[in-house]
All heavy atoms as atom14 arrays in JSON, in Angstrom:
{
  "sequence": "IRQPPGKGLEWIGYIGYSGSTYYSPSRKSRTSISRDT",
  "atom14_mask": [
    [1, 1, 1, 1, 1, 1, 1, 1, 0, 0, 0, 0, 0, 0],
    [1, 1, 1, 1, 1, 1, 1, 1, 1, 1, 1, 0, 0, 0],
    [1, 1, 1, 1, 1, 1, 1, 1, 1, 0, 0, 0, 0, 0],
    [1, 1, 1, 1, 1, 1, 1, 0, 0, 0, 0, 0, 0, 0],
    [1, 1, 1, 1, 1, 1, 1, 0, 0, 0, 0, 0, 0, 0],
    [1, 1, 1, 1, 0, 0, 0, 0, 0, 0, 0, 0, 0, 0],
    [1, 1, 1, 1, 1, 1, 1, 1, 1, 0, 0, 0, 0, 0],
    [1, 1, 1, 1, 0, 0, 0, 0, 0, 0, 0, 0, 0, 0],
    [1, 1, 1, 1, 1, 1, 1, 1, 0, 0, 0, 0, 0, 0],
    [1, 1, 1, 1, 1, 1, 1, 1, 1, 0, 0, 0, 0, 0],
    [1, 1, 1, 1, 1, 1, 1, 1, 1, 1, 1, 1, 1, 1],
    [1, 1, 1, 1, 1, 1, 1, 1, 0, 0, 0, 0, 0, 0],
    [1, 1, 1, 1, 0, 0, 0, 0, 0, 0, 0, 0, 0, 0],
    [1, 1, 1, 1, 1, 1, 1, 1, 1, 1, 1, 1, 0, 0],
    [1, 1, 1, 1, 1, 1, 1, 1, 0, 0, 0, 0, 0, 0],
    [1, 1, 1, 1, 0, 0, 0, 0, 0, 0, 0, 0, 0, 0],
    [1, 1, 1, 1, 1, 1, 1, 1, 1, 1, 1, 1, 0, 0],
    [1, 1, 1, 1, 1, 1, 0, 0, 0, 0, 0, 0, 0, 0],
    [1, 1, 1, 1, 0, 0, 0, 0, 0, 0, 0, 0, 0, 0],
    [1, 1, 1, 1, 1, 1, 0, 0, 0, 0, 0, 0, 0, 0],
    [1, 1, 1, 1, 1, 1, 1, 0, 0, 0, 0, 0, 0, 0],
    [1, 1, 1, 1, 1, 1, 1, 1, 1, 1, 1, 1, 0, 0],
    [1, 1, 1, 1, 1, 1, 1, 1, 1, 1, 1, 1, 0, 0],
    [1, 1, 1, 1, 1, 1, 0, 0, 0, 0, 0, 0, 0, 0],
    [1, 1, 1, 1, 1, 1, 1, 0, 0, 0, 0, 0, 0, 0],
    [1, 1, 1, 1, 1, 1, 0, 0, 0, 0, 0, 0, 0, 0],
    [1, 1, 1, 1, 1, 1, 1, 1, 1, 1, 1, 0, 0, 0],
    [1, 1, 1, 1, 1, 1, 1, 1, 1, 0, 0, 0, 0, 0],
    [1, 1, 1, 1, 1, 1, 0, 0, 0, 0, 0, 0, 0, 0],
    [1, 1, 1, 1, 1, 1, 1, 1, 1, 1, 1, 0, 0, 0],
    [1, 1, 1, 1, 1, 1, 1, 0, 0, 0, 0, 0, 0, 0],
    [1, 1, 1, 1, 1, 1, 0, 0, 0, 0, 0, 0, 0, 0],
    [1, 1, 1, 1, 1, 1, 1, 1, 0, 0, 0, 0, 0, 0],
    [1, 1, 1, 1, 1, 1, 0, 0, 0, 0, 0, 0, 0, 0],
    [1, 1, 1, 1, 1, 1, 1, 1, 1, 1, 1, 0, 0, 0],
    [1, 1, 1, 1, 1, 1, 1, 1, 0, 0, 0, 0, 0, 0],
    [1, 1, 1, 1, 1, 1, 1, 0, 0, 0, 0, 0, 0, 0]
  ],
  "atom14_positions": [
    [[9.74, -18.5, -51.46], [10.2, -19.56, -52.34], [10.88, -18.89, -53.53], [10.54, -17.77, -53.9], [9.03, -20.43, -52.84], [8.18, -20.95, -51.67], [9.52, -21.59, -53.7], [6.93, -20.13, -51.43], [0.0, 0.0, 0.0], [0.0, 0.0, 0.0], [0.0, 0.0, 0.0], [0.0, 0.0, 0.0], [0.0, 0.0, 0.0], [0.0, 0.0, 0.0]],
    [[11.83, -19.57, -54.13], [12.46, -19.03, -55.33], [12.61, -20.11, -56.38], [12.58, -21.31, -56.09], [13.82, -18.41, -55.01], [14.91, -19.41, -54.68], [16.21, -18.71, -54.32], [17.32, -19.63, -54.16], [18.54, -19.27, -53.78], [18.81, -17.99, -53.52], [19.49, -20.19, -53.66], [0.0, 0.0, 0.0], [0.0, 0.0, 0.0], [0.0, 0.0, 0.0]],
    [[12.81, -19.68, -57.62], [13.03, -20.59, -58.72], [14.15, -20.05, -59.6], [13.94, -19.1, -60.37], [11.76, -20.79, -59.55], [11.92, -21.84, -60.65], [10.59, -22.23, -61.28], [9.67, -21.43, -61.33], [10.5, -23.46, -61.74], [0.0, 0.0, 0.0], [0.0, 0.0, 0.0], [0.0, 0.0, 0.0], [0.0, 0.0, 0.0], [0.0, 0.0, 0.0]],
    [[15.34, -20.63, -59.48], [16.43, -20.23, -60.38], [16.1, -20.59, -61.82], [15.3, -21.5, -62.07], [17.62, -21.04, -59.86], [17.25, -21.44, -58.47], [15.76, -21.62, -58.5], [0.0, 0.0, 0.0], [0.0, 0.0, 0.0], [0.0, 0.0, 0.0], [0.0, 0.0, 0.0], [0.0, 0.0, 0.0], [0.0, 0.0, 0.0], [0.0, 0.0, 0.0]],
    [[16.71, -19.91, -62.77], [16.42, -20.2, -64.17], [16.72, -21.65, -64.51], [17.79, -22.17, -64.19], [17.32, -19.24, -64.95], [18.36, -18.8, -63.97], [17.7, -18.83, -62.64], [0.0, 0.0, 0.0], [0.0, 0.0, 0.0], [0.0, 0.0, 0.0], [0.0, 0.0, 0.0], [0.0, 0.0, 0.0], [0.0, 0.0, 0.0], [0.0, 0.0, 0.0]],
    [[15.76, -22.31, -65.14], [15.94, -23.69, -65.56], [15.88, -24.72, -64.45], [16.15, -25.9, -64.7], [0.0, 0.0, 0.0], [0.0, 0.0, 0.0], [0.0, 0.0, 0.0], [0.0, 0.0, 0.0], [0.0, 0.0, 0.0], [0.0, 0.0, 0.0], [0.0, 0.0, 0.0], [0.0, 0.0, 0.0], [0.0, 0.0, 0.0], [0.0, 0.0, 0.0]],
    [[15.54, -24.3, -63.24], [15.5, -25.22, -62.11], [14.13, -25.21, -61.45], [13.27, -24.4, -61.78], [16.58, -24.85, -61.09], [18.0, -24.93, -61.63], [19.02, -24.55, -60.58], [19.08, -25.54, -59.45], [20.14, -25.2, -58.46], [0.0, 0.0, 0.0], [0.0, 0.0, 0.0], [0.0, 0.0, 0.0], [0.0, 0.0, 0.0], [0.0, 0.0, 0.0]],
    [[13.96, -26.11, -60.51], [12.71, -26.21, -59.8], [12.6, -25.22, -58.65], [13.51, -24.44, -58.38], [0.0, 0.0, 0.0], [0.0, 0.0, 0.0], [0.0, 0.0, 0.0], [0.0, 0.0, 0.0], [0.0, 0.0, 0.0], [0.0, 0.0, 0.0], [0.0, 0.0, 0.0], [0.0, 0.0, 0.0], [0.0, 0.0, 0.0], [0.0, 0.0, 0.0]],
    [[11.48, -25.28, -57.98], [11.24, -24.38, -56.86], [12.11, -24.75, -55.66], [12.33, -25.93, -55.37], [9.77, -24.44, -56.46], [8.76, -23.96, -57.5], [7.35, -24.29, -57.05], [8.9, -22.46, -57.72], [0.0, 0.0, 0.0], [0.0, 0.0, 0.0], [0.0, 0.0, 0.0], [0.0, 0.0, 0.0], [0.0, 0.0, 0.0], [0.0, 0.0, 0.0]],
    [[12.61, -23.74, -54.98], [13.39, -23.91, -53.77], [12.71, -23.14, -52.64], [12.55, -21.93, -52.71], [14.81, -23.39, -53.95], [15.62, -24.1, -55.01], [17.01, -23.51, -55.18], [17.3, -22.47, -54.55], [17.81, -24.09, -55.94], [0.0, 0.0, 0.0], [0.0, 0.0, 0.0], [0.0, 0.0, 0.0], [0.0, 0.0, 0.0], [0.0, 0.0, 0.0]],
    [[12.36, -23.85, -51.59], [11.76, -23.2, -50.43], [12.86, -22.54, -49.6], [13.9, -23.13, -49.32], [11.02, -24.24, -49.59], [10.4, -23.68, -48.35], [9.28, -22.91, -48.25], [10.88, -23.87, -47.01], [9.03, -22.61, -46.93], [9.98, -23.18, -46.15], [11.95, -24.55, -46.46], [10.15, -23.16, -44.77], [12.12, -24.54, -45.08], [11.23, -23.85, -44.26]],
    [[12.63, -21.31, -49.2], [13.62, -20.54, -48.46], [13.32, -20.56, -46.96], [14.22, -20.78, -46.15], [13.66, -19.09, -48.96], [14.09, -19.05, -50.43], [14.59, -18.25, -48.1], [13.92, -17.69, -51.08], [0.0, 0.0, 0.0], [0.0, 0.0, 0.0], [0.0, 0.0, 0.0], [0.0, 0.0, 0.0], [0.0, 0.0, 0.0], [0.0, 0.0, 0.0]],
    [[12.09, -20.31, -46.6], [11.73, -20.28, -45.2], [10.34, -19.7, -45.02], [9.68, -19.33, -45.98], [0.0, 0.0, 0.0], [0.0, 0.0, 0.0], [0.0, 0.0, 0.0], [0.0, 0.0, 0.0], [0.0, 0.0, 0.0], [0.0, 0.0, 0.0], [0.0, 0.0, 0.0], [0.0, 0.0, 0.0], [0.0, 0.0, 0.0], [0.0, 0.0, 0.0]],
    [[9.91, -19.62, -43.76], [8.61, -19.04, -43.49], [8.61, -18.24, -42.19], [9.51, -18.39, -41.36], [7.51, -20.11, -43.43], [7.5, -20.99, -42.18], [7.08, -20.5, -40.94], [7.88, -22.33, -42.26], [7.06, -21.32, -39.81], [7.86, -23.14, -41.14], [7.45, -22.63, -39.92], [7.42, -23.45, -38.81], [0.0, 0.0, 0.0], [0.0, 0.0, 0.0]],
    [[7.6, -17.43, -42.05], [7.31, -16.78, -40.78], [5.87, -17.11, -40.44], [4.98, -17.04, -41.29], [7.57, -15.26, -40.82], [7.41, -14.65, -39.42], [6.67, -14.55, -41.84], [8.02, -13.26, -39.3], [0.0, 0.0, 0.0], [0.0, 0.0, 0.0], [0.0, 0.0, 0.0], [0.0, 0.0, 0.0], [0.0, 0.0, 0.0], [0.0, 0.0, 0.0]],
    [[5.64, -17.5, -39.2], [4.33, -17.92, -38.77], [3.52, -16.81, -38.14], [4.0, -15.68, -37.95], [0.0, 0.0, 0.0], [0.0, 0.0, 0.0], [0.0, 0.0, 0.0], [0.0, 0.0, 0.0], [0.0, 0.0, 0.0], [0.0, 0.0, 0.0], [0.0, 0.0, 0.0], [0.0, 0.0, 0.0], [0.0, 0.0, 0.0], [0.0, 0.0, 0.0]],
    [[2.3, -17.15, -37.8], [1.37, -16.18, -37.25], [1.85, -15.53, -35.96], [1.47, -14.4, -35.64], [0.02, -16.85, -37.01], [0.08, -17.98, -36.0], [-0.2, -17.75, -34.66], [0.41, -19.27, -36.4], [-0.13, -18.77, -33.73], [0.48, -20.3, -35.49], [0.22, -20.05, -34.15], [0.28, -21.07, -33.23], [0.0, 0.0, 0.0], [0.0, 0.0, 0.0]],
    [[2.67, -16.25, -35.19], [3.2, -15.72, -33.94], [4.53, -14.99, -34.11], [5.06, -14.44, -33.15], [3.37, -16.85, -32.93], [4.4, -17.73, -33.34], [0.0, 0.0, 0.0], [0.0, 0.0, 0.0], [0.0, 0.0, 0.0], [0.0, 0.0, 0.0], [0.0, 0.0, 0.0], [0.0, 0.0, 0.0], [0.0, 0.0, 0.0], [0.0, 0.0, 0.0]],
    [[5.06, -15.0, -35.32], [6.36, -14.42, -35.58], [7.49, -15.42, -35.59], [8.64, -15.03, -35.84], [0.0, 0.0, 0.0], [0.0, 0.0, 0.0], [0.0, 0.0, 0.0], [0.0, 0.0, 0.0], [0.0, 0.0, 0.0], [0.0, 0.0, 0.0], [0.0, 0.0, 0.0], [0.0, 0.0, 0.0], [0.0, 0.0, 0.0], [0.0, 0.0, 0.0]],
    [[7.2, -16.68, -35.34], [8.22, -17.7, -35.39], [8.72, -17.88, -36.82], [7.96, -17.7, -37.78], [7.7, -19.02, -34.85], [6.61, -19.49, -35.64], [0.0, 0.0, 0.0], [0.0, 0.0, 0.0], [0.0, 0.0, 0.0], [0.0, 0.0, 0.0], [0.0, 0.0, 0.0], [0.0, 0.0, 0.0], [0.0, 0.0, 0.0], [0.0, 0.0, 0.0]],
    [[9.98, -18.23, -36.95], [10.57, -18.4, -38.28], [11.26, -19.75, -38.38], [11.7, -20.33, -37.39], [11.59, -17.3, -38.58], [12.59, -17.26, -37.55], [10.91, -15.96, -38.69], [0.0, 0.0, 0.0], [0.0, 0.0, 0.0], [0.0, 0.0, 0.0], [0.0, 0.0, 0.0], [0.0, 0.0, 0.0], [0.0, 0.0, 0.0], [0.0, 0.0, 0.0]],
    [[11.36, -20.22, -39.61], [12.06, -21.45, -39.9], [12.65, -21.31, -41.29], [11.98, -20.86, -42.22], [11.13, -22.66, -39.82], [11.86, -23.98, -39.89], [12.48, -24.51, -38.77], [11.94, -24.68, -41.09], [13.16, -25.71, -38.84], [12.63, -25.89, -41.16], [13.23, -26.4, -40.03], [13.91, -27.59, -40.1], [0.0, 0.0, 0.0], [0.0, 0.0, 0.0]],
    [[13.91, -21.72, -41.43], [14.63, -21.52, -42.67], [15.15, -22.84, -43.23], [15.45, -23.77, -42.48], [15.81, -20.58, -42.47], [15.44, -19.27, -41.82], [15.8, -19.0, -40.5], [14.74, -18.3, -42.52], [15.47, -17.8, -39.9], [14.4, -17.1, -41.93], [14.77, -16.85, -40.62], [14.43, -15.65, -40.04], [0.0, 0.0, 0.0], [0.0, 0.0, 0.0]],
    [[15.29, -22.86, -44.54], [15.97, -23.98, -45.17], [17.39, -24.06, -44.61], [18.1, -23.05, -44.61], [16.01, -23.79, -46.69], [16.87, -24.73, -47.3], [0.0, 0.0, 0.0], [0.0, 0.0, 0.0], [0.0, 0.0, 0.0], [0.0, 0.0, 0.0], [0.0, 0.0, 0.0], [0.0, 0.0, 0.0], [0.0, 0.0, 0.0], [0.0, 0.0, 0.0]],
    [[17.81, -25.22, -44.13], [19.15, -25.33, -43.55], [20.26, -24.89, -44.48], [21.29, -24.39, -44.01], [19.27, -26.82, -43.21], [17.86, -27.26, -43.01], [17.06, -26.49, -44.01], [0.0, 0.0, 0.0], [0.0, 0.0, 0.0], [0.0, 0.0, 0.0], [0.0, 0.0, 0.0], [0.0, 0.0, 0.0], [0.0, 0.0, 0.0], [0.0, 0.0, 0.0]],
    [[20.09, -25.06, -45.78], [21.14, -24.71, -46.72], [21.4, -23.22, -46.83], [22.46, -22.81, -47.28], [20.81, -25.29, -48.1], [19.62, -24.72, -48.61], [0.0, 0.0, 0.0], [0.0, 0.0, 0.0], [0.0, 0.0, 0.0], [0.0, 0.0, 0.0], [0.0, 0.0, 0.0], [0.0, 0.0, 0.0], [0.0, 0.0, 0.0], [0.0, 0.0, 0.0]],
    [[20.47, -22.42, -46.42], [20.59, -20.96, -46.49], [20.34, -20.26, -45.17], [20.27, -19.03, -45.12], [19.64, -20.41, -47.57], [20.09, -20.71, -48.99], [19.0, -20.37, -49.99], [17.91, -21.34, -49.92], [17.92, -22.52, -50.53], [18.96, -22.88, -51.28], [16.9, -23.34, -50.41], [0.0, 0.0, 0.0], [0.0, 0.0, 0.0], [0.0, 0.0, 0.0]],
    [[20.23, -21.01, -44.11], [19.86, -20.47, -42.81], [20.8, -19.37, -42.34], [20.35, -18.36, -41.78], [19.8, -21.59, -41.78], [19.4, -21.15, -40.39], [19.34, -22.33, -39.45], [18.94, -21.91, -38.05], [18.87, -23.08, -37.13], [0.0, 0.0, 0.0], [0.0, 0.0, 0.0], [0.0, 0.0, 0.0], [0.0, 0.0, 0.0], [0.0, 0.0, 0.0]],
    [[22.09, -19.55, -42.55], [23.08, -18.63, -41.99], [23.01, -17.24, -42.59], [23.51, -16.29, -41.99], [24.49, -19.21, -42.18], [24.81, -19.33, -43.54], [0.0, 0.0, 0.0], [0.0, 0.0, 0.0], [0.0, 0.0, 0.0], [0.0, 0.0, 0.0], [0.0, 0.0, 0.0], [0.0, 0.0, 0.0], [0.0, 0.0, 0.0], [0.0, 0.0, 0.0]],
    [[22.42, -17.1, -43.76], [22.38, -15.8, -44.4], [20.96, -15.36, -44.76], [20.78, -14.45, -45.58], [23.26, -15.78, -45.64], [22.9, -16.77, -46.73], [23.99, -16.82, -47.79], [23.62, -17.66, -48.92], [23.08, -17.21, -50.05], [22.86, -15.91, -50.22], [22.79, -18.06, -51.02], [0.0, 0.0, 0.0], [0.0, 0.0, 0.0], [0.0, 0.0, 0.0]],
    [[19.97, -15.96, -44.15], [18.57, -15.67, -44.44], [17.86, -15.14, -43.2], [18.06, -15.66, -42.11], [17.84, -16.91, -44.95], [18.5, -17.43, -46.11], [16.4, -16.58, -45.3], [0.0, 0.0, 0.0], [0.0, 0.0, 0.0], [0.0, 0.0, 0.0], [0.0, 0.0, 0.0], [0.0, 0.0, 0.0], [0.0, 0.0, 0.0], [0.0, 0.0, 0.0]],
    [[17.07, -14.13, -43.4], [16.26, -13.59, -42.32], [14.89, -13.19, -42.85], [14.79, -12.48, -43.85], [16.94, -12.38, -41.68], [16.15, -11.83, -40.64], [0.0, 0.0, 0.0], [0.0, 0.0, 0.0], [0.0, 0.0, 0.0], [0.0, 0.0, 0.0], [0.0, 0.0, 0.0], [0.0, 0.0, 0.0], [0.0, 0.0, 0.0], [0.0, 0.0, 0.0]],
    [[13.85, -13.67, -42.19], [12.48, -13.29, -42.52], [11.9, -12.54, -41.33], [11.99, -13.01, -40.19], [11.62, -14.51, -42.87], [12.19, -15.25, -44.09], [10.17, -14.1, -43.14], [11.5, -16.55, -44.42], [0.0, 0.0, 0.0], [0.0, 0.0, 0.0], [0.0, 0.0, 0.0], [0.0, 0.0, 0.0], [0.0, 0.0, 0.0], [0.0, 0.0, 0.0]],
    [[11.33, -11.41, -41.6], [10.73, -10.6, -40.54], [9.37, -10.08, -41.01], [8.95, -10.37, -42.14], [11.65, -9.45, -40.14], [11.94, -8.62, -41.25], [0.0, 0.0, 0.0], [0.0, 0.0, 0.0], [0.0, 0.0, 0.0], [0.0, 0.0, 0.0], [0.0, 0.0, 0.0], [0.0, 0.0, 0.0], [0.0, 0.0, 0.0], [0.0, 0.0, 0.0]],
    [[8.7, -9.33, -40.15], [7.38, -8.85, -40.52], [7.08, -7.5, -39.92], [7.7, -7.08, -38.93], [6.31, -9.86, -40.09], [6.19, -10.0, -38.58], [5.12, -11.01, -38.22], [4.93, -11.1, -36.77], [3.97, -11.79, -36.19], [3.1, -12.47, -36.92], [3.87, -11.81, -34.86], [0.0, 0.0, 0.0], [0.0, 0.0, 0.0], [0.0, 0.0, 0.0]],
    [[6.13, -6.84, -40.51], [5.57, -5.6, -39.99], [4.07, -5.82, -39.94], [3.38, -5.7, -40.95], [5.94, -4.42, -40.88], [5.48, -3.09, -40.31], [4.56, -3.07, -39.47], [6.04, -2.05, -40.71], [0.0, 0.0, 0.0], [0.0, 0.0, 0.0], [0.0, 0.0, 0.0], [0.0, 0.0, 0.0], [0.0, 0.0, 0.0], [0.0, 0.0, 0.0]],
    [[3.56, -6.14, -38.77], [2.15, -6.49, -38.65], [1.23, -5.3, -38.91], [0.1, -5.48, -39.36], [1.85, -7.08, -37.27], [2.22, -6.14, -36.25], [2.62, -8.37, -37.06], [0.0, 0.0, 0.0], [0.0, 0.0, 0.0], [0.0, 0.0, 0.0], [0.0, 0.0, 0.0], [0.0, 0.0, 0.0], [0.0, 0.0, 0.0], [0.0, 0.0, 0.0]]
  ]
}
């Protein structure tokens, strides 16, 4: 999640327990979440 100055919280995306990911559509094309278990 992020919070730009003077603005509210913006959810970016998540990674789940199985490694599945889901992104905010507004930033999906340039966002990647990964993990190192």
